[in-house]
C-alpha atoms as a PDB file:
ATOM      1  CA  UNK A   1      76.959  68.696 120.700  1.00  0.00           C
ATOM      2  CA  UNK A   2      76.875  71.068 117.792  1.00  0.00           C
ATOM      3  CA  UNK A   3      80.776  72.454 116.966  1.00  0.00           C
ATOM      4  CA  UNK A   4      81.414  76.113 116.007  1.00  0.00           C
ATOM      5  CA  UNK A   5      82.843  77.295 112.952  1.00  0.00           C
ATOM      6  CA  UNK A   6      86.345  78.786 113.487  1.00  0.00           C
ATOM      7  CA  UNK A   7      85.627  82.449 112.347  1.00  0.00           C
ATOM      8  CA  UNK A   8      88.631  83.748 109.851  1.00  0.00           C
ATOM      9  CA  UNK A   9      88.115  87.732 109.855  1.00  0.00           C
ATOM     10  CA  UNK A  10      88.986  88.822 106.479  1.00  0.00           C
ATOM     11  CA  UNK A  11      89.443  92.540 105.125  1.00  0.00           C
ATOM     12  CA  UNK A  12      89.678  94.158 101.877  1.00  0.00           C
ATOM     13  CA  UNK A  13      92.332  96.082 100.261  1.00  0.00           C
ATOM     14  CA  UNK A  14      93.173  98.216  97.451  1.00  0.00           C
ATOM     15  CA  UNK A  15      94.944  95.460  95.097  1.00  0.00           C
ATOM     16  CA  UNK A  16      97.967  97.945  94.947  1.00  0.00           C
ATOM     17  CA  UNK A  17      98.796  97.534  98.564  1.00  0.00           C
ATOM     18  CA  UNK A  18      98.363  93.387  97.969  1.00  0.00           C
ATOM     19  CA  UNK A  19     100.851  93.455  95.289  1.00  0.00           C
ATOM     20  CA  UNK A  20     103.585  95.886  96.909  1.00  0.00           C
ATOM     21  CA  UNK A  21     102.832  93.643 100.375  1.00  0.00           C
ATOM     22  CA  UNK A  22     103.696  90.269  98.187  1.00  0.00           C
ATOM     23  CA  UNK A  23     106.583  91.645  96.241  1.00  0.00           C
ATOM     24  CA  UNK A  24     108.119  93.452  99.594  1.00  0.00           C
ATOM     25  CA  UNK A  25     111.414  92.426 100.976  1.00  0.00           C
ATOM     26  CA  UNK A  26     111.045  89.124 103.669  1.00  0.00           C
ATOM     27  CA  UNK A  27     113.012  90.610 106.290  1.00  0.00           C
ATOM     28  CA  UNK A  28     112.282  92.000 109.458  1.00  0.00           C
ATOM     29  CA  UNK A  29     110.716  95.824 109.205  1.00  0.00           C
ATOM     30  CA  UNK A  30     113.425  97.141 111.343  1.00  0.00           C
ATOM     31  CA  UNK A  31     116.227  96.008 109.309  1.00  0.00           C
ATOM     32  CA  UNK A  32     114.593  97.268 106.440  1.00  0.00           C
ATOM     33  CA  UNK A  33     113.969 100.576 107.248  1.00  0.00           C
ATOM     34  CA  UNK A  34     117.404 100.731 109.265  1.00  0.00           C
ATOM     35  CA  UNK A  35     119.090  99.689 105.513  1.00  0.00           C
ATOM     36  CA  UNK A  36     116.819 102.268 103.788  1.00  0.00           C
ATOM     37  CA  UNK A  37     117.854 105.430 106.182  1.00  0.00           C
ATOM     38  CA  UNK A  38     121.820 104.001 105.752  1.00  0.00           C
ATOM     39  CA  UNK A  39     121.294 104.564 101.933  1.00  0.00           C
ATOM     40  CA  UNK A  40     120.002 107.716 101.985  1.00  0.00           C
ATOM     41  CA  UNK A  41     123.023 109.003 104.025  1.00  0.00           C
ATOM     42  CA  UNK A  42     125.852 107.141 101.788  1.00  0.00           C
ATOM     43  CA  UNK A  43     127.871 109.341 100.096  1.00  0.00           C
ATOM     44  CA  UNK A  44     131.246 108.810 100.379  1.00  0.00           C
ATOM     45  CA  UNK A  45     131.744 106.437 103.283  1.00  0.00           C
ATOM     46  CA  UNK A  46     131.841 102.581 103.073  1.00  0.00           C
ATOM     47  CA  UNK A  47     129.270 100.769 106.177  1.00  0.00           C
ATOM     48  CA  UNK A  48     130.434  98.180 108.398  1.00  0.00           C
ATOM     49  CA  UNK A  49     127.512  95.748 109.291  1.00  0.00           C
ATOM     50  CA  UNK A  50     127.964  92.386 112.186  1.00  0.00           C
ATOM     51  CA  UNK A  51     125.806  89.731 111.218  1.00  0.00           C
ATOM     52  CA  UNK A  52     123.073  89.091 113.493  1.00  0.00           C
ATOM     53  CA  UNK A  53     122.855  85.665 115.151  1.00  0.00           C
ATOM     54  CA  UNK A  54     121.776  82.526 112.443  1.00  0.00           C
ATOM     55  CA  UNK A  55     122.532  85.058 109.519  1.00  0.00           C
ATOM     56  CA  UNK A  56     124.478  83.814 106.820  1.00  0.00           C
ATOM     57  CA  UNK A  57     126.665  86.682 105.426  1.00  0.00           C
ATOM     58  CA  UNK A  58     124.801  85.820 101.769  1.00  0.00           C
ATOM     59  CA  UNK A  59     121.702  85.934 102.935  1.00  0.00           C
ATOM     60  CA  UNK A  60     122.608  89.780 104.129  1.00  0.00           C
ATOM     61  CA  UNK A  61     124.481  90.909 101.083  1.00  0.00           C
ATOM     62  CA  UNK A  62     121.038  89.536  99.332  1.00  0.00           C
ATOM     63  CA  UNK A  63     118.856  92.009 101.278  1.00  0.00           C
ATOM     64  CA  UNK A  64     121.187  94.603 101.317  1.00  0.00           C
ATOM     65  CA  UNK A  65     120.975  94.334  97.770  1.00  0.00           C
ATOM     66  CA  UNK A  66     117.181  93.969  97.385  1.00  0.00           C
ATOM     67  CA  UNK A  67     116.664  97.127  99.784  1.00  0.00           C
ATOM     68  CA  UNK A  68     118.985  99.008  97.249  1.00  0.00           C
ATOM     69  CA  UNK A  69     117.662  97.833  94.047  1.00  0.00           C
ATOM     70  CA  UNK A  70     113.687  99.219  95.770  1.00  0.00           C
ATOM     71  CA  UNK A  71     115.647 102.786  96.461  1.00  0.00           C
ATOM     72  CA  UNK A  72     117.308 102.451  92.676  1.00  0.00           C
ATOM     73  CA  UNK A  73     120.528 103.246  94.370  1.00  0.00           C
ATOM     74  CA  UNK A  74     123.685 101.498  93.037  1.00  0.00           C
ATOM     75  CA  UNK A  75     125.481  99.621  95.855  1.00  0.00           C
ATOM     76  CA  UNK A  76     128.241  97.890  96.081  1.00  0.00           C
ATOM     77  CA  UNK A  77     128.613  94.625  98.957  1.00  0.00           C
ATOM     78  CA  UNK A  78     131.155  92.571  99.968  1.00  0.00           C
ATOM     79  CA  UNK A  79     131.613  89.723 102.387  1.00  0.00           C
ATOM     80  CA  UNK A  80     134.143  89.894 105.214  1.00  0.00           C
ATOM     81  CA  UNK A  81     134.653  87.786 108.208  1.00  0.00           C
ATOM     82  CA  UNK A  82     131.918  88.417 110.560  1.00  0.00           C
ATOM     83  CA  UNK A  83     129.847  90.688 108.627  1.00  0.00           C
ATOM     84  CA  UNK A  84     129.503  92.584 105.315  1.00  0.00           C
ATOM     85  CA  UNK A  85     130.536  96.181 103.979  1.00  0.00           C
ATOM     86  CA  UNK A  86     128.541  98.351 101.381  1.00  0.00           C
ATOM     87  CA  UNK A  87     128.613 101.716  99.608  1.00  0.00           C
ATOM     88  CA  UNK A  88     126.965 103.651  97.112  1.00  0.00           C
ATOM     89  CA  UNK A  89     128.670 102.005  93.722  1.00  0.00           C
ATOM     90  CA  UNK A  90     131.305 104.248  91.871  1.00  0.00           C
ATOM     91  CA  UNK A  91     131.956 104.368  88.119  1.00  0.00           C
ATOM     92  CA  UNK A  92     134.652 102.175  88.462  1.00  0.00           C
ATOM     93  CA  UNK A  93     132.874  99.885  90.700  1.00  0.00           C
ATOM     94  CA  UNK A  94     129.906  99.437  87.550  1.00  0.00           C
ATOM     95  CA  UNK A  95     132.771  99.594  85.001  1.00  0.00           C
ATOM     96  CA  UNK A  96     134.401  96.494  86.694  1.00  0.00           C
ATOM     97  CA  UNK A  97     131.553  94.509  87.316  1.00  0.00           C
ATOM     98  CA  UNK A  98     130.547  94.940  83.268  1.00  0.00           C
ATOM     99  CA  UNK A  99     133.823  93.828  82.590  1.00  0.00           C
ATOM    100  CA  UNK A 100     133.580  90.849  85.122  1.00  0.00           C
ATOM    101  CA  UNK A 101     130.520  89.634  84.502  1.00  0.00           C
ATOM    102  CA  UNK A 102     130.518  87.735  80.842  1.00  0.00           C
ATOM    103  CA  UNK A 103     133.423  86.435  82.253  1.00  0.00           C
ATOM    104  CA  UNK A 104     131.811  84.920  85.309  1.00  0.00           C
ATOM    105  CA  UNK A 105     128.711  83.835  82.837  1.00  0.00           C
ATOM    106  CA  UNK A 106     131.407  81.666  81.041  1.00  0.00           C
ATOM    107  CA  UNK A 107     132.876  79.585  83.935  1.00  0.00           C
ATOM    108  CA  UNK A 108     129.584  78.306  85.186  1.00  0.00           C
ATOM    109  CA  UNK A 109     128.725  74.898  84.391  1.00  0.00           C
ATOM    110  CA  UNK A 110     125.439  74.902  82.331  1.00  0.00           C
ATOM    111  CA  UNK A 111     123.556  72.369  84.417  1.00  0.00           C
ATOM    112  CA  UNK A 112     123.533  69.566  87.049  1.00  0.00           C
ATOM    113  CA  UNK A 113     123.290  66.369  85.056  1.00  0.00           C
ATOM    114  CA  UNK A 114     125.109  63.004  86.617  1.00  0.00           C
ATOM    115  CA  UNK A 115     128.095  61.959  85.140  1.00  0.00           C
ATOM    116  CA  UNK A 116     128.009  59.424  81.990  1.00  0.00           C
ATOM    117  CA  UNK A 117     124.112  60.203  80.849  1.00  0.00           C
ATOM    118  CA  UNK A 118     123.320  62.852  78.213  1.00  0.00           C
ATOM    119  CA  UNK A 119     120.909  65.455  78.726  1.00  0.00           C
ATOM    120  CA  UNK A 120     117.752  64.436  76.058  1.00  0.00           C
ATOM    121  CA  UNK A 121     117.165  66.878  73.390  1.00  0.00           C
END
């Protein structure tokens, strides 16, 4: 008996579209579209978002920041019990972030090494 080879369907697409797809957010399209619409309406109010089942606050924060960066909208995100809140960043928020960032960088450890071992140069 001869086995039939499985057919694999391929289609050509423009290179620009392929690049956009590979760099796009890896999240539910409904969530992405809902965030985009919400960002357009954010002016002087904050939004509370409950976390979907199985989603960590850090993951949701990163998703919100990713969509906001694509739209070039500065957003401040805070984790709260049971969800996150976010709002369009004000000048005060941006100033505070620029002041705090250098202090946070100095407290980070340079790398994970075992105690008693030295790194090779």
